[in-house]
Amino acid sequence: MATNLTVEKRNTDKRSILTELRSKGQFPANLYGYGTKAISLSVDEPEFIKAYREVGKNGVLKLKVDGKDYSVMVQDMQVHPLKNAVTHVDFLAIDLNKETEAEVPVVLTGESVGVKEGGVLQRVLATVNVKALPADFPEQLEASVEELNIGDSLSVKDLPTGKKYEILHEEDEVIASVTPPKLQDEETDVETEEADAEGDAPESSESVADDSQEEQKKDE
């Protein structure tokens, strides 16, 4: 059974209206996609968070707008970096019988042998693009790194596969690897040396000319 979310149409993007929305615990949103023109919406934040948690990142919501129902996925969500509050959402109206694409999180489990020996786990991909019917998207894809030694890597081919979804990446694309600690130290040393060299380098004629022009402007 789909999770319902009732929203209201919003007729303007004026700053005063947006401020009023947020003062009432609401945020602006847009609806577009299958079977609809673009519609501006206002959404109750607590109700949205409740519904979003129920269905997950790529879950399907039944959006109710002026008595009409739309099957939607959250296409984009913006969150205030300090207040941790939702500031805007894009809802994508979808055809439940047509495959679509979405990003699915990759969760690494366990502690690798290489890390226990002092290696460093380097994460390359945090999500992968997946194609499936809207109701068949996995919430996440898990892969164990426990058997990775120093120098080993985890690739897309190591992710769990399913008949109901397709991972849209090359099988040999790296998700994570375990690098030697010495390599990390060497890279840090090289970066430090390059930074020192840049700091000791003489100023170019262009930068000196720019400085002179700035001084002349100040004198004038």
C-alpha atoms as a PDB file:
ATOM      1  CA  MET A   1       0.000   0.000   0.000  1.00  0.00           C
ATOM      2  CA  ALA A   2       1.381   3.384  -1.053  1.00  0.00           C
ATOM      3  CA  THR A   3       2.107   6.069   1.499  1.00  0.00           C
ATOM      4  CA  ASN A   4      -0.087   9.140   1.024  1.00  0.00           C
ATOM      5  CA  LEU A   5       1.062  12.743   1.280  1.00  0.00           C
ATOM      6  CA  THR A   6      -1.417  15.599   0.890  1.00  0.00           C
ATOM      7  CA  VAL A   7       0.001  18.895  -0.393  1.00  0.00           C
ATOM      8  CA  GLU A   8      -1.380  22.246  -1.558  1.00  0.00           C
ATOM      9  CA  LYS A   9      -0.891  24.257  -4.718  1.00  0.00           C
ATOM     10  CA  ARG A  10       1.268  27.361  -4.406  1.00  0.00           C
ATOM     11  CA  ASN A  11       0.637  30.263  -6.769  1.00  0.00           C
ATOM     12  CA  THR A  12       3.720  32.394  -6.255  1.00  0.00           C
ATOM     13  CA  ASP A  13       7.445  32.306  -5.532  1.00  0.00           C
ATOM     14  CA  LYS A  14       7.537  35.706  -3.840  1.00  0.00           C
ATOM     15  CA  ARG A  15      10.004  35.848  -0.980  1.00  0.00           C
ATOM     16  CA  SER A  16       7.315  37.022   1.442  1.00  0.00           C
ATOM     17  CA  ILE A  17       5.177  33.962   0.683  1.00  0.00           C
ATOM     18  CA  LEU A  18       8.133  31.601   1.046  1.00  0.00           C
ATOM     19  CA  THR A  19       9.009  33.177   4.388  1.00  0.00           C
ATOM     20  CA  GLU A  20       5.409  32.744   5.504  1.00  0.00           C
ATOM     21  CA  LEU A  21       5.485  29.072   4.480  1.00  0.00           C
ATOM     22  CA  ARG A  22       8.569  28.380   6.553  1.00  0.00           C
ATOM     23  CA  SER A  23       7.086  30.181   9.553  1.00  0.00           C
ATOM     24  CA  LYS A  24       4.207  27.668   9.396  1.00  0.00           C
ATOM     25  CA  GLY A  25       6.512  24.642   9.221  1.00  0.00           C
ATOM     26  CA  GLN A  26       6.099  24.242   5.466  1.00  0.00           C
ATOM     27  CA  PHE A  27       8.455  24.396   2.498  1.00  0.00           C
ATOM     28  CA  PRO A  28       8.084  25.026  -1.264  1.00  0.00           C
ATOM     29  CA  ALA A  29       8.135  22.140  -3.739  1.00  0.00           C
ATOM     30  CA  ASN A  30       7.614  21.410  -7.424  1.00  0.00           C
ATOM     31  CA  LEU A  31       5.774  18.581  -9.163  1.00  0.00           C
ATOM     32  CA  TYR A  32       6.544  17.633 -12.771  1.00  0.00           C
ATOM     33  CA  GLY A  33       6.857  14.597 -14.997  1.00  0.00           C
ATOM     34  CA  TYR A  34       4.487  11.923 -16.247  1.00  0.00           C
ATOM     35  CA  GLY A  35       0.927  13.069 -16.905  1.00  0.00           C
ATOM     36  CA  THR A  36       1.205  16.569 -15.466  1.00  0.00           C
ATOM     37  CA  LYS A  37       2.372  20.078 -16.159  1.00  0.00           C
ATOM     38  CA  ALA A  38       4.749  21.663 -13.662  1.00  0.00           C
ATOM     39  CA  ILE A  39       2.912  22.570 -10.447  1.00  0.00           C
ATOM     40  CA  SER A  40       4.238  24.685  -7.560  1.00  0.00           C
ATOM     41  CA  LEU A  41       3.386  23.239  -4.152  1.00  0.00           C
ATOM     42  CA  SER A  42       3.588  23.933  -0.446  1.00  0.00           C
ATOM     43  CA  VAL A  43       4.341  20.929   1.771  1.00  0.00           C
ATOM     44  CA  ASP A  44       4.043  20.375   5.512  1.00  0.00           C
ATOM     45  CA  GLU A  45       7.554  19.426   6.642  1.00  0.00           C
ATOM     46  CA  PRO A  46       6.657  17.008   9.508  1.00  0.00           C
ATOM     47  CA  GLU A  47       4.192  15.150   7.260  1.00  0.00           C
ATOM     48  CA  PHE A  48       6.735  14.917   4.462  1.00  0.00           C
ATOM     49  CA  ILE A  49       9.496  13.623   6.748  1.00  0.00           C
ATOM     50  CA  LYS A  50       7.148  10.982   8.147  1.00  0.00           C
ATOM     51  CA  ALA A  51       6.145   9.794   4.668  1.00  0.00           C
ATOM     52  CA  TYR A  52       9.712   9.930   3.328  1.00  0.00           C
ATOM     53  CA  ARG A  53      11.002   7.781   6.169  1.00  0.00           C
ATOM     54  CA  GLU A  54       8.293   5.209   5.502  1.00  0.00           C
ATOM     55  CA  VAL A  55       9.112   4.717   1.811  1.00  0.00           C
ATOM     56  CA  GLY A  56      12.864   5.399   1.778  1.00  0.00           C
ATOM     57  CA  LYS A  57      15.042   7.319  -0.665  1.00  0.00           C
ATOM     58  CA  ASN A  58      13.696   5.743  -3.858  1.00  0.00           C
ATOM     59  CA  GLY A  59      10.253   4.793  -2.614  1.00  0.00           C
ATOM     60  CA  VAL A  60       6.977   5.757  -4.253  1.00  0.00           C
ATOM     61  CA  LEU A  61       4.635   8.279  -2.642  1.00  0.00           C
ATOM     62  CA  LYS A  62       1.009   8.920  -3.557  1.00  0.00           C
ATOM     63  CA  LEU A  63       0.839  12.696  -3.753  1.00  0.00           C
ATOM     64  CA  LYS A  64      -2.630  14.211  -3.338  1.00  0.00           C
ATOM     65  CA  VAL A  65      -3.045  17.611  -5.005  1.00  0.00           C
ATOM     66  CA  ASP A  66      -6.510  19.202  -5.105  1.00  0.00           C
ATOM     67  CA  GLY A  67      -8.203  15.814  -5.011  1.00  0.00           C
ATOM     68  CA  LYS A  68      -6.005  14.284  -7.723  1.00  0.00           C
ATOM     69  CA  ASP A  69      -3.471  11.523  -7.027  1.00  0.00           C
ATOM     70  CA  TYR A  70       0.037  11.312  -8.487  1.00  0.00           C
ATOM     71  CA  SER A  71       2.531   8.489  -8.054  1.00  0.00           C
ATOM     72  CA  VAL A  72       5.827  10.269  -7.397  1.00  0.00           C
ATOM     73  CA  MET A  73       9.430   9.780  -6.372  1.00  0.00           C
ATOM     74  CA  VAL A  74      11.605  12.376  -4.673  1.00  0.00           C
ATOM     75  CA  GLN A  75      13.815  13.603  -7.499  1.00  0.00           C
ATOM     76  CA  ASP A  76      15.735  16.173  -5.463  1.00  0.00           C
ATOM     77  CA  MET A  77      15.701  17.358  -1.856  1.00  0.00           C
ATOM     78  CA  GLN A  78      17.497  20.380  -0.422  1.00  0.00           C
ATOM     79  CA  VAL A  79      18.292  20.565   3.291  1.00  0.00           C
ATOM     80  CA  HIS A  80      19.517  23.580   5.265  1.00  0.00           C
ATOM     81  CA  PRO A  81      23.132  22.800   6.267  1.00  0.00           C
ATOM     82  CA  LEU A  82      22.832  24.286   9.753  1.00  0.00           C
ATOM     83  CA  LYS A  83      19.180  23.865  10.706  1.00  0.00           C
ATOM     84  CA  ASN A  84      18.880  20.387   9.132  1.00  0.00           C
ATOM     85  CA  ALA A  85      15.469  21.438   7.825  1.00  0.00           C
ATOM     86  CA  VAL A  86      14.035  20.590   4.401  1.00  0.00           C
ATOM     87  CA  THR A  87      14.008  23.745   2.266  1.00  0.00           C
ATOM     88  CA  HIS A  88      12.820  22.449  -1.116  1.00  0.00           C
ATOM     89  CA  VAL A  89      11.776  19.218  -2.849  1.00  0.00           C
ATOM     90  CA  ASP A  90      11.243  18.221  -6.469  1.00  0.00           C
ATOM     91  CA  PHE A  91       8.625  15.489  -6.930  1.00  0.00           C
ATOM     92  CA  LEU A  92       8.838  13.466 -10.156  1.00  0.00           C
ATOM     93  CA  ALA A  93       5.509  12.052 -11.343  1.00  0.00           C
ATOM     94  CA  ILE A  94       6.064   8.539 -12.711  1.00  0.00           C
ATOM     95  CA  ASP A  95       4.368   5.741 -14.625  1.00  0.00           C
ATOM     96  CA  LEU A  96       4.375   2.749 -12.274  1.00  0.00           C
ATOM     97  CA  ASN A  97       4.561   0.399 -15.269  1.00  0.00           C
ATOM     98  CA  LYS A  98       7.607   2.014 -16.859  1.00  0.00           C
ATOM     99  CA  GLU A  99      11.243   1.556 -15.817  1.00  0.00           C
ATOM    100  CA  THR A 100      13.118   4.603 -14.599  1.00  0.00           C
ATOM    101  CA  GLU A 101      16.577   5.367 -13.203  1.00  0.00           C
ATOM    102  CA  ALA A 102      17.659   6.400  -9.727  1.00  0.00           C
ATOM    103  CA  GLU A 103      20.732   6.503  -7.501  1.00  0.00           C
ATOM    104  CA  VAL A 104      20.927   3.738  -4.903  1.00  0.00           C
ATOM    105  CA  PRO A 105      23.280   4.030  -1.886  1.00  0.00           C
ATOM    106  CA  VAL A 106      26.124   1.521  -1.559  1.00  0.00           C
ATOM    107  CA  VAL A 107      26.713   0.398   2.028  1.00  0.00           C
ATOM    108  CA  LEU A 108      30.070  -1.164   2.893  1.00  0.00           C
ATOM    109  CA  THR A 109      29.962  -3.671   5.745  1.00  0.00           C
ATOM    110  CA  GLY A 110      32.628  -5.169   7.985  1.00  0.00           C
ATOM    111  CA  GLU A 111      36.271  -4.238   8.564  1.00  0.00           C
ATOM    112  CA  SER A 112      38.788  -5.339   5.976  1.00  0.00           C
ATOM    113  CA  VAL A 113      41.881  -7.410   6.685  1.00  0.00           C
ATOM    114  CA  GLY A 114      43.963  -4.691   5.061  1.00  0.00           C
ATOM    115  CA  VAL A 115      42.641  -1.982   7.377  1.00  0.00           C
ATOM    116  CA  LYS A 116      43.443  -4.143  10.398  1.00  0.00           C
ATOM    117  CA  GLU A 117      47.016  -4.333   9.079  1.00  0.00           C
ATOM    118  CA  GLY A 118      47.271  -0.546   8.827  1.00  0.00           C
ATOM    119  CA  GLY A 119      45.893   0.047   5.348  1.00  0.00           C
ATOM    120  CA  VAL A 120      43.426   2.787   4.464  1.00  0.00           C
ATOM    121  CA  LEU A 121      39.972   2.134   2.995  1.00  0.00           C
ATOM    122  CA  GLN A 122      39.398   4.549   0.106  1.00  0.00           C
ATOM    123  CA  ARG A 123      35.764   5.058  -0.948  1.00  0.00           C
ATOM    124  CA  VAL A 124      35.259   5.783  -4.657  1.00  0.00           C
ATOM    125  CA  LEU A 125      31.504   5.350  -5.227  1.00  0.00           C
ATOM    126  CA  ALA A 126      28.899   6.122  -2.575  1.00  0.00           C
ATOM    127  CA  THR A 127      25.954   5.463  -4.914  1.00  0.00           C
ATOM    128  CA  VAL A 128      25.301   3.599  -8.155  1.00  0.00           C
ATOM    129  CA  ASN A 129      22.784   4.295 -10.893  1.00  0.00           C
ATOM    130  CA  VAL A 130      20.093   1.629 -11.090  1.00  0.00           C
ATOM    131  CA  LYS A 131      17.301   0.999 -13.591  1.00  0.00           C
ATOM    132  CA  ALA A 132      14.061  -0.637 -12.441  1.00  0.00           C
ATOM    133  CA  LEU A 133      10.321  -0.320 -12.159  1.00  0.00           C
ATOM    134  CA  PRO A 134       9.502   2.286  -9.483  1.00  0.00           C
ATOM    135  CA  ALA A 135       8.324  -0.347  -7.002  1.00  0.00           C
ATOM    136  CA  ASP A 136      11.403  -2.558  -7.486  1.00  0.00           C
ATOM    137  CA  PHE A 137      14.264  -0.257  -6.496  1.00  0.00           C
ATOM    138  CA  PRO A 138      16.405  -1.687  -3.682  1.00  0.00           C
ATOM    139  CA  GLU A 139      16.657   0.651  -0.708  1.00  0.00           C
ATOM    140  CA  GLN A 140      20.419   0.095  -0.658  1.00  0.00           C
ATOM    141  CA  LEU A 141      23.076  -2.306  -1.948  1.00  0.00           C
ATOM    142  CA  GLU A 142      25.404  -3.874   0.617  1.00  0.00           C
ATOM    143  CA  ALA A 143      28.883  -5.239  -0.004  1.00  0.00           C
ATOM    144  CA  SER A 144      31.351  -6.690   2.497  1.00  0.00           C
ATOM    145  CA  VAL A 145      34.936  -5.418   2.581  1.00  0.00           C
ATOM    146  CA  GLU A 146      36.094  -7.951   5.174  1.00  0.00           C
ATOM    147  CA  GLU A 147      38.185  -9.999   2.702  1.00  0.00           C
ATOM    148  CA  LEU A 148      40.018  -7.023   1.199  1.00  0.00           C
ATOM    149  CA  ASN A 149      43.763  -7.088   1.755  1.00  0.00           C
ATOM    150  CA  ILE A 150      46.067  -4.141   1.149  1.00  0.00           C
ATOM    151  CA  GLY A 151      46.051  -3.517  -2.598  1.00  0.00           C
ATOM    152  CA  ASP A 152      42.659  -5.168  -3.143  1.00  0.00           C
ATOM    153  CA  SER A 153      39.570  -3.395  -4.434  1.00  0.00           C
ATOM    154  CA  LEU A 154      35.807  -3.872  -4.505  1.00  0.00           C
ATOM    155  CA  SER A 155      34.089  -3.463  -7.877  1.00  0.00           C
ATOM    156  CA  VAL A 156      30.556  -3.140  -9.201  1.00  0.00           C
ATOM    157  CA  LYS A 157      30.577  -6.845 -10.063  1.00  0.00           C
ATOM    158  CA  ASP A 158      30.824  -7.568  -6.317  1.00  0.00           C
ATOM    159  CA  LEU A 159      27.475  -5.895  -5.591  1.00  0.00           C
ATOM    160  CA  PRO A 160      24.363  -8.051  -5.151  1.00  0.00           C
ATOM    161  CA  THR A 161      22.368  -8.428  -8.355  1.00  0.00           C
ATOM    162  CA  GLY A 162      18.668  -9.000  -8.858  1.00  0.00           C
ATOM    163  CA  LYS A 163      16.253  -9.902 -11.618  1.00  0.00           C
ATOM    164  CA  LYS A 164      14.146  -6.815 -10.946  1.00  0.00           C
ATOM    165  CA  TYR A 165      16.847  -4.169 -11.320  1.00  0.00           C
ATOM    166  CA  GLU A 166      19.900  -3.394 -13.450  1.00  0.00           C
ATOM    167  CA  ILE A 167      23.056  -1.632 -12.254  1.00  0.00           C
ATOM    168  CA  LEU A 168      24.095   0.878 -14.928  1.00  0.00           C
ATOM    169  CA  HIS A 169      27.864   0.732 -14.410  1.00  0.00           C
ATOM    170  CA  GLU A 170      30.743  -1.225 -15.909  1.00  0.00           C
ATOM    171  CA  GLU A 171      31.442  -4.353 -13.848  1.00  0.00           C
ATOM    172  CA  ASP A 172      35.080  -3.404 -13.263  1.00  0.00           C
ATOM    173  CA  GLU A 173      34.297   0.098 -11.969  1.00  0.00           C
ATOM    174  CA  VAL A 174      35.886   0.422  -8.524  1.00  0.00           C
ATOM    175  CA  ILE A 175      33.699   1.101  -5.490  1.00  0.00           C
ATOM    176  CA  ALA A 176      36.376   1.000  -2.787  1.00  0.00           C
ATOM    177  CA  SER A 177      39.988  -0.063  -2.338  1.00  0.00           C
ATOM    178  CA  VAL A 178      42.505  -0.584   0.459  1.00  0.00           C
ATOM    179  CA  THR A 179      45.732   1.350  -0.031  1.00  0.00           C
ATOM    180  CA  PRO A 180      49.019   0.958   1.849  1.00  0.00           C
ATOM    181  CA  PRO A 181      49.652   3.490   4.626  1.00  0.00           C
ATOM    182  CA  LYS A 182      53.063   4.289   3.086  1.00  0.00           C
ATOM    183  CA  LEU A 183      51.379   5.413  -0.117  1.00  0.00           C
ATOM    184  CA  GLN A 184      49.174   7.782   1.867  1.00  0.00           C
ATOM    185  CA  ASP A 185      52.225   9.261   3.612  1.00  0.00           C
ATOM    186  CA  GLU A 186      54.077   9.716   0.307  1.00  0.00           C
ATOM    187  CA  GLU A 187      51.116  11.497  -1.277  1.00  0.00           C
ATOM    188  CA  THR A 188      50.896  13.820   1.721  1.00  0.00           C
ATOM    189  CA  ASP A 189      54.641  14.576   1.506  1.00  0.00           C
ATOM    190  CA  VAL A 190      54.408  15.335  -2.217  1.00  0.00           C
ATOM    191  CA  GLU A 191      51.450  17.661  -1.675  1.00  0.00           C
ATOM    192  CA  THR A 192      53.360  19.450   1.100  1.00  0.00           C
ATOM    193  CA  GLU A 193      56.472  19.849  -1.084  1.00  0.00           C
ATOM    194  CA  GLU A 194      54.389  21.202  -3.973  1.00  0.00           C
ATOM    195  CA  ALA A 195      52.670  23.661  -1.659  1.00  0.00           C
ATOM    196  CA  ASP A 196      56.053  24.828  -0.300  1.00  0.00           C
ATOM    197  CA  ALA A 197      57.419  25.217  -3.830  1.00  0.00           C
ATOM    198  CA  GLU A 198      54.435  27.311  -4.857  1.00  0.00           C
ATOM    199  CA  GLY A 199      54.883  29.476  -1.794  1.00  0.00           C
ATOM    200  CA  ASP A 200      58.570  30.097  -2.639  1.00  0.00           C
ATOM    201  CA  ALA A 201      57.981  30.792  -6.325  1.00  0.00           C
ATOM    202  CA  PRO A 202      58.563  34.408  -7.465  1.00  0.00           C
ATOM    203  CA  GLU A 203      55.553  36.477  -8.405  1.00  0.00           C
ATOM    204  CA  SER A 204      54.734  36.583 -12.113  1.00  0.00           C
ATOM    205  CA  SER A 205      54.911  39.847 -14.032  1.00  0.00           C
ATOM    206  CA  GLU A 206      51.134  39.803 -14.392  1.00  0.00           C
ATOM    207  CA  SER A 207      50.531  39.535 -10.671  1.00  0.00           C
ATOM    208  CA  VAL A 208      53.069  42.254  -9.960  1.00  0.00           C
ATOM    209  CA  ALA A 209      51.401  44.476 -12.552  1.00  0.00           C
ATOM    210  CA  ASP A 210      48.043  43.859 -10.954  1.00  0.00           C
ATOM    211  CA  ASP A 211      49.465  44.816  -7.567  1.00  0.00           C
ATOM    212  CA  SER A 212      50.931  48.019  -9.002  1.00  0.00           C
ATOM    213  CA  GLN A 213      47.615  48.978 -10.541  1.00  0.00           C
ATOM    214  CA  GLU A 214      45.878  48.425  -7.236  1.00  0.00           C
ATOM    215  CA  GLU A 215      48.396  50.666  -5.465  1.00  0.00           C
ATOM    216  CA  GLN A 216      47.919  53.403  -8.091  1.00  0.00           C
ATOM    217  CA  LYS A 217      44.173  53.276  -7.606  1.00  0.00           C
ATOM    218  CA  LYS A 218      44.627  53.668  -3.866  1.00  0.00           C
ATOM    219  CA  ASP A 219      46.945  56.702  -4.378  1.00  0.00           C
ATOM    220  CA  GLU A 220      44.383  58.297  -6.691  1.00  0.00           C
END
